[in-house]
Amino acid sequence: MRFSKEKFFSLFVDPDMLSLRFKLLVYALTFAPEQNPTLIGTCSHLAKYFNVNPSSVAKEMKELEKIGIITKIQNGVWRVNYEVINRSRTKKLEQ
C-alpha cells in the first residue's frame, strides 16, 4: 500500500503530541528530500498547514536555522542541510 507524502505525514505525526519545531523538521525532511533539499513555503503557508500563528512558525524556523538544520535562501525558500543531520546521526552511532 503506497501513501502520498501528505497521507504519510498525517498518519504518523499527531499534531497534538509534538512540538511545532519537530513538526517543521519532519515537514522539511518529508517535502525536501536529500536529492533536492529545497523547501518552499512561507511562514504564512506553514502556519495555515499547522494551524498556528505565523510568528510561531517564524520563531521556530529561526531556531532551526540557528542550529544549522536549515538555511534561509530567501523569503519562503529554505535549504535543508542534510550534511548537518547526517553528521549528528553519525556521531550518535559512534558513541
Protein backbone atom coordinates (compact mmCIF):
# COMPACT_ATOMS: atom_id res chain seq x y z
CA MET A 1 0.00 0.00 0.00
CA ARG A 2 1.52 3.33 -1.04
CA PHE A 3 0.82 6.62 0.68
CA SER A 4 1.20 10.12 -0.61
CA LYS A 5 3.54 12.33 1.40
CA GLU A 6 0.54 14.16 2.83
CA LYS A 7 -1.14 10.92 3.91
CA PHE A 8 2.08 9.60 5.45
CA PHE A 9 2.60 12.85 7.31
CA SER A 10 -0.96 12.94 8.64
CA LEU A 11 -0.84 9.30 9.77
CA PHE A 12 2.47 9.38 11.60
CA VAL A 13 2.60 12.89 13.01
CA ASP A 14 -0.13 13.52 15.54
CA PRO A 15 -0.37 17.33 15.64
CA ASP A 16 -1.45 17.38 19.29
CA MET A 17 1.54 15.39 20.53
CA LEU A 18 4.54 17.14 19.01
CA SER A 19 6.26 20.48 19.31
CA LEU A 20 5.98 22.87 16.38
CA ARG A 21 9.75 22.75 15.86
CA PHE A 22 9.67 18.97 15.49
CA LYS A 23 6.68 19.16 13.15
CA LEU A 24 8.52 21.70 10.99
CA LEU A 25 11.58 19.46 10.90
CA VAL A 26 9.55 16.43 9.86
CA TYR A 27 7.76 18.55 7.25
CA ALA A 28 11.10 19.77 5.86
CA LEU A 29 12.55 16.26 5.71
CA THR A 30 9.39 14.96 4.06
CA PHE A 31 8.96 17.65 1.42
CA ALA A 32 12.62 18.48 0.73
CA PRO A 33 14.31 15.12 0.08
CA GLU A 34 18.09 14.79 0.16
CA GLN A 35 18.27 14.75 -3.66
CA ASN A 36 16.58 18.18 -3.81
CA PRO A 37 16.87 19.77 -0.36
CA THR A 38 14.89 22.91 -1.18
CA LEU A 39 11.80 23.60 0.90
CA ILE A 40 9.39 26.17 -0.48
CA GLY A 41 6.87 27.63 1.91
CA THR A 42 6.33 30.97 3.58
CA CYS A 43 5.71 31.23 7.29
CA SER A 44 2.07 32.07 6.48
CA HIS A 45 1.71 28.93 4.34
CA LEU A 46 3.28 26.73 7.02
CA ALA A 47 1.18 28.39 9.73
CA LYS A 48 -2.01 27.53 7.83
CA TYR A 49 -0.78 23.96 7.33
CA PHE A 50 -0.12 23.52 11.07
CA ASN A 51 -2.98 25.76 12.23
CA VAL A 52 -0.71 28.06 14.24
CA ASN A 53 0.31 31.72 14.24
CA PRO A 54 2.83 32.76 11.51
CA SER A 55 5.04 34.39 14.14
CA SER A 56 5.34 31.00 15.90
CA VAL A 57 6.50 29.42 12.64
CA ALA A 58 8.98 32.24 12.04
CA LYS A 59 10.41 31.82 15.55
CA GLU A 60 10.85 28.06 15.17
CA MET A 61 12.34 28.35 11.68
CA LYS A 62 14.90 30.80 13.10
CA GLU A 63 15.75 28.26 15.80
CA LEU A 64 16.20 25.50 13.19
CA GLU A 65 18.39 27.90 11.23
CA LYS A 66 20.42 28.78 14.34
CA ILE A 67 21.28 25.12 14.97
CA GLY A 68 22.17 24.64 11.31
CA ILE A 69 19.43 22.28 10.14
CA ILE A 70 18.04 24.74 7.60
CA THR A 71 19.39 27.78 5.79
CA LYS A 72 17.18 30.59 4.58
CA ILE A 73 17.78 31.25 0.87
CA GLN A 74 15.15 33.97 0.53
CA ASN A 75 11.66 34.61 1.89
CA GLY A 76 9.74 31.36 1.58
CA VAL A 77 12.71 29.30 0.34
CA TRP A 78 14.81 27.16 2.67
CA ARG A 79 17.60 24.66 2.17
CA VAL A 80 17.65 21.57 4.38
CA ASN A 81 21.24 20.88 5.47
CA TYR A 82 21.41 17.10 5.28
CA GLU A 83 25.16 17.15 5.93
CA VAL A 84 24.45 18.54 9.42
CA ILE A 85 21.73 15.96 10.02
CA ASN A 86 23.89 13.08 8.74
CA ARG A 87 26.90 14.28 10.80
CA SER A 88 24.88 14.31 14.02
CA ARG A 89 23.46 10.87 13.20
CA THR A 90 26.99 9.52 12.64
CA LYS A 91 28.21 10.97 15.95
CA LYS A 92 25.39 9.26 17.83
CA LEU A 93 26.20 5.92 16.18
CA GLU A 94 29.87 6.23 17.13
CA GLN A 95 29.06 6.84 20.81
